[in-house]
Amino acid sequence: MWGRIRKSGARVANAMRTEERTGRKARTHNLFEAAAAYISACAEDDQDRIEETAAWVSPEALSFGVNELACRAVIALARERDESPRAVARALLGLPAA
């Protein structure tokens, strides 16, 4: 019974993978690596790289990773500038101080 459950789980996991299956072992990317590569490609306006990195993980995982990266970046800048994260976020977006 456990063998059948294990096989079913393996089939589900294989079906959920987004990378192409090739004869060689492909390197998998985690969501934070994908988010960092995606954001840097966006900053450099590299459309080919944007499309490539967006395919590394699911759209939901990429969205979570980008959100986490944004939060960490704002916190780091706020500490560096000795300002609140809210003030830094508003300044980055070109919004007036609240």
Protein backbone atom coordinates (compact mmCIF):
# COMPACT_ATOMS: atom_id res chain seq x y z
CA MET A 1 0.00 0.00 0.00
CA TRP A 2 2.76 2.49 0.91
CA GLY A 3 4.51 1.70 -2.36
CA ARG A 4 1.44 2.72 -4.36
CA ILE A 5 1.09 5.94 -2.38
CA ARG A 6 4.78 6.72 -2.92
CA LYS A 7 4.43 6.07 -6.70
CA SER A 8 1.35 8.29 -6.89
CA GLY A 9 3.16 11.06 -5.04
CA ALA A 10 6.13 10.78 -7.38
CA ARG A 11 3.85 11.03 -10.43
CA VAL A 12 2.15 14.13 -9.01
CA ALA A 13 5.51 15.74 -8.19
CA ASN A 14 6.84 14.99 -11.68
CA ALA A 15 3.71 16.44 -13.28
CA MET A 16 4.12 19.68 -11.32
CA ARG A 17 7.69 20.31 -12.44
CA THR A 18 7.98 23.27 -14.82
CA GLU A 19 11.39 22.53 -16.29
CA GLU A 20 11.83 20.62 -19.51
CA ARG A 21 12.86 17.01 -19.25
CA THR A 22 16.02 16.32 -21.16
CA GLY A 23 18.43 13.41 -21.23
CA ARG A 24 20.80 15.22 -18.86
CA LYS A 25 20.19 16.33 -15.33
CA ALA A 26 18.86 19.88 -15.38
CA ARG A 27 19.63 22.20 -12.52
CA THR A 28 16.55 23.20 -10.55
CA HIS A 29 16.09 26.73 -9.30
CA ASN A 30 14.53 27.77 -6.02
CA LEU A 31 12.00 30.57 -5.88
CA PHE A 32 14.39 33.12 -4.35
CA GLU A 33 16.99 32.50 -7.04
CA ALA A 34 14.28 32.83 -9.68
CA ALA A 35 13.01 36.08 -8.14
CA ALA A 36 16.49 37.60 -7.97
CA ALA A 37 17.24 36.68 -11.58
CA TYR A 38 13.81 37.89 -12.73
CA ILE A 39 14.09 41.27 -11.00
CA SER A 40 17.62 41.87 -12.23
CA ALA A 41 16.48 41.01 -15.79
CA CYS A 42 13.59 43.46 -15.42
CA ALA A 43 15.95 46.18 -14.18
CA GLU A 44 18.19 45.58 -17.22
CA ASP A 45 15.15 45.39 -19.56
CA ASP A 46 16.34 42.00 -20.88
CA GLN A 47 13.13 40.44 -22.25
CA ASP A 48 14.73 37.11 -23.17
CA ARG A 49 16.10 36.68 -19.64
CA ILE A 50 12.77 37.77 -18.14
CA GLU A 51 10.95 35.04 -20.05
CA GLU A 52 13.61 32.45 -19.18
CA THR A 53 13.63 33.16 -15.46
CA ALA A 54 9.83 33.39 -15.26
CA ALA A 55 9.69 29.76 -16.40
CA TRP A 56 11.98 28.50 -13.61
CA VAL A 57 9.18 28.30 -11.03
CA SER A 58 5.40 28.61 -10.98
CA PRO A 59 3.90 32.11 -11.33
CA GLU A 60 2.68 31.94 -7.73
CA ALA A 61 6.13 31.03 -6.42
CA LEU A 62 7.73 33.79 -8.51
CA SER A 63 5.23 36.30 -7.16
CA PHE A 64 6.01 35.24 -3.59
CA GLY A 65 9.76 35.47 -4.26
CA VAL A 66 9.48 38.92 -5.84
CA ASN A 67 7.39 40.12 -2.90
CA GLU A 68 9.93 38.76 -0.42
CA LEU A 69 12.79 40.38 -2.34
CA ALA A 70 10.96 43.72 -2.36
CA CYS A 71 10.37 43.55 1.39
CA ARG A 72 13.99 42.71 2.12
CA ALA A 73 15.26 45.43 -0.22
CA VAL A 74 13.07 48.11 1.37
CA ILE A 75 14.13 47.04 4.87
CA ALA A 76 17.81 47.09 3.89
CA LEU A 77 17.48 50.55 2.32
CA ALA A 78 15.54 51.84 5.32
CA ARG A 79 18.30 50.70 7.67
CA GLU A 80 20.97 52.18 5.40
CA ARG A 81 19.15 55.52 5.15
CA ASP A 82 17.98 55.50 8.78
CA GLU A 83 14.39 55.99 7.63
CA SER A 84 11.19 54.04 8.03
CA PRO A 85 10.41 51.29 5.50
CA ARG A 86 7.22 53.16 4.61
CA ALA A 87 9.14 56.36 3.77
CA VAL A 88 11.65 54.42 1.68
CA ALA A 89 8.94 52.52 -0.22
CA ARG A 90 7.06 55.73 -0.99
CA ALA A 91 10.27 57.45 -2.13
CA LEU A 92 11.17 54.53 -4.42
CA LEU A 93 7.75 54.76 -6.04
CA GLY A 94 7.94 58.55 -6.35
CA LEU A 95 5.06 59.15 -3.97
CA PRO A 96 4.90 62.16 -1.65
CA ALA A 97 5.79 61.65 2.00
CA ALA A 98 2.75 60.63 4.04
